[in-house]
C-alpha cells in the first residue's frame, strides 16, 4: 500500500507541473539584476588586480584572470539563463560564451 501511494504521489508531483513559477517574480528579478551588477563589478576589480600582478606573479595573475574573465563573459549569460529558467523571460539564452585565455590580462605569459 505504501509503494502504491508513493508511486501515485511521485507521478502527480512530476507530471502535473510543466512550468516553473517563481515565488515572487519582482524580488527574484531584482536578485538576478543585483547578481548581474556584482558580476560586472567583480570582473572589473579582478581584471585590474590581475593586470597589476602580471609583472610580479604570473601564476597568481592567471588564477585571478581566469576568475575575472569567467565573471565578465559568463556572468551576464548566467543571469539571463536564471531569468529564463525562472519563467521571467521567454528568450532562451544561446550557448554560453567562450572565455578568453588568461594571458589576455596577464601580458601573454604562460
Protein backbone atom coordinates (compact mmCIF):
# COMPACT_ATOMS: atom_id res chain seq x y z
CA UNK A 1 0.00 0.00 0.00
CA UNK A 2 2.84 2.40 0.83
CA UNK A 3 4.51 1.74 -2.51
CA UNK A 4 1.30 2.43 -4.39
CA UNK A 5 0.82 5.68 -2.51
CA UNK A 6 4.43 6.69 -3.18
CA UNK A 7 4.08 5.97 -6.91
CA UNK A 8 0.86 7.98 -7.14
CA UNK A 9 2.33 10.88 -5.18
CA UNK A 10 5.53 10.99 -7.23
CA UNK A 11 3.73 10.73 -10.54
CA UNK A 12 1.40 13.62 -9.69
CA UNK A 13 4.26 15.76 -8.42
CA UNK A 14 6.29 15.38 -11.58
CA UNK A 15 3.57 15.03 -14.20
CA UNK A 16 1.33 17.95 -13.32
CA UNK A 17 3.84 20.76 -13.23
CA UNK A 18 5.39 21.58 -16.60
CA UNK A 19 6.08 25.25 -15.95
CA UNK A 20 8.31 26.93 -13.44
CA UNK A 21 6.90 29.57 -11.14
CA UNK A 22 9.00 31.86 -9.02
CA UNK A 23 7.60 32.64 -5.59
CA UNK A 24 7.84 36.41 -6.05
CA UNK A 25 8.79 37.46 -9.57
CA UNK A 26 9.67 41.07 -8.70
CA UNK A 27 12.01 40.02 -5.89
CA UNK A 28 13.63 37.28 -7.96
CA UNK A 29 14.21 39.63 -10.90
CA UNK A 30 15.78 42.16 -8.51
CA UNK A 31 18.07 39.50 -7.05
CA UNK A 32 19.19 38.44 -10.52
CA UNK A 33 19.90 42.04 -11.50
CA UNK A 34 21.94 42.60 -8.32
CA UNK A 35 23.94 39.47 -9.14
CA UNK A 36 24.46 40.73 -12.70
CA UNK A 37 25.81 44.02 -11.32
CA UNK A 38 28.04 42.12 -8.88
CA UNK A 39 29.47 40.01 -11.72
CA UNK A 40 30.33 43.16 -13.66
CA UNK A 41 31.86 44.97 -10.69
CA UNK A 42 33.86 41.97 -9.52
CA UNK A 43 35.14 41.30 -13.04
CA UNK A 44 36.38 44.90 -13.39
CA UNK A 45 38.07 44.84 -9.97
CA UNK A 46 39.72 41.46 -10.54
CA UNK A 47 40.85 42.41 -14.05
CA UNK A 48 42.64 45.49 -12.72
CA UNK A 49 44.15 43.43 -9.90
CA UNK A 50 45.36 40.74 -12.31
CA UNK A 51 46.95 43.33 -14.58
CA UNK A 52 48.82 44.70 -11.56
CA UNK A 53 50.16 41.22 -10.81
CA UNK A 54 51.17 40.48 -14.39
CA UNK A 55 54.77 41.52 -13.92
CA UNK A 56 55.30 40.17 -10.40
CA UNK A 57 53.43 36.86 -10.02
CA UNK A 58 52.34 35.24 -13.28
CA UNK A 59 50.81 32.13 -11.63
CA UNK A 60 48.61 34.20 -9.32
CA UNK A 61 47.78 36.54 -12.20
CA UNK A 62 46.47 33.64 -14.29
CA UNK A 63 44.28 32.35 -11.43
CA UNK A 64 42.74 35.77 -10.84
CA UNK A 65 42.45 36.50 -14.56
CA UNK A 66 40.59 33.22 -15.13
CA UNK A 67 38.02 34.17 -12.50
CA UNK A 68 37.71 37.74 -13.81
CA UNK A 69 37.21 36.57 -17.39
CA UNK A 70 34.61 33.97 -16.42
CA UNK A 71 32.67 36.60 -14.47
CA UNK A 72 32.95 39.10 -17.30
CA UNK A 73 31.99 36.77 -20.14
CA UNK A 74 29.68 34.25 -18.48
CA UNK A 75 28.09 36.30 -15.68
CA UNK A 76 25.54 38.07 -17.88
CA UNK A 77 24.72 34.79 -19.62
CA UNK A 78 24.04 33.11 -16.27
CA UNK A 79 21.78 35.97 -15.22
CA UNK A 80 19.82 35.69 -18.49
CA UNK A 81 19.53 31.92 -18.01
CA UNK A 82 18.26 32.41 -14.44
CA UNK A 83 15.51 34.69 -15.73
CA UNK A 84 14.62 32.20 -18.45
CA UNK A 85 14.57 29.19 -16.11
CA UNK A 86 12.60 31.19 -13.54
CA UNK A 87 9.91 31.85 -16.13
CA UNK A 88 10.58 35.60 -16.24
CA UNK A 89 11.89 35.65 -19.80
CA UNK A 90 10.68 33.90 -22.94
CA UNK A 91 14.06 34.30 -24.64
CA UNK A 92 16.29 31.29 -24.02
CA UNK A 93 19.96 32.32 -24.00
CA UNK A 94 22.13 30.74 -26.67
CA UNK A 95 25.15 28.63 -25.79
CA UNK A 96 27.43 30.07 -23.10
CA UNK A 97 30.04 32.43 -24.50
CA UNK A 98 33.63 31.29 -24.70
CA UNK A 99 36.03 32.65 -22.12
CA UNK A 100 39.33 34.07 -23.40
CA UNK A 101 42.61 32.71 -22.10
CA UNK A 102 44.06 34.34 -19.00
CA UNK A 103 47.01 35.67 -20.99
CA UNK A 104 44.72 38.39 -22.35
CA UNK A 105 45.02 40.03 -18.91
CA UNK A 106 48.42 38.74 -17.86
CA UNK A 107 50.55 40.04 -20.68
CA UNK A 108 50.85 36.85 -22.70
CA UNK A 109 52.76 34.95 -20.01
CA UNK A 110 52.08 31.22 -19.69
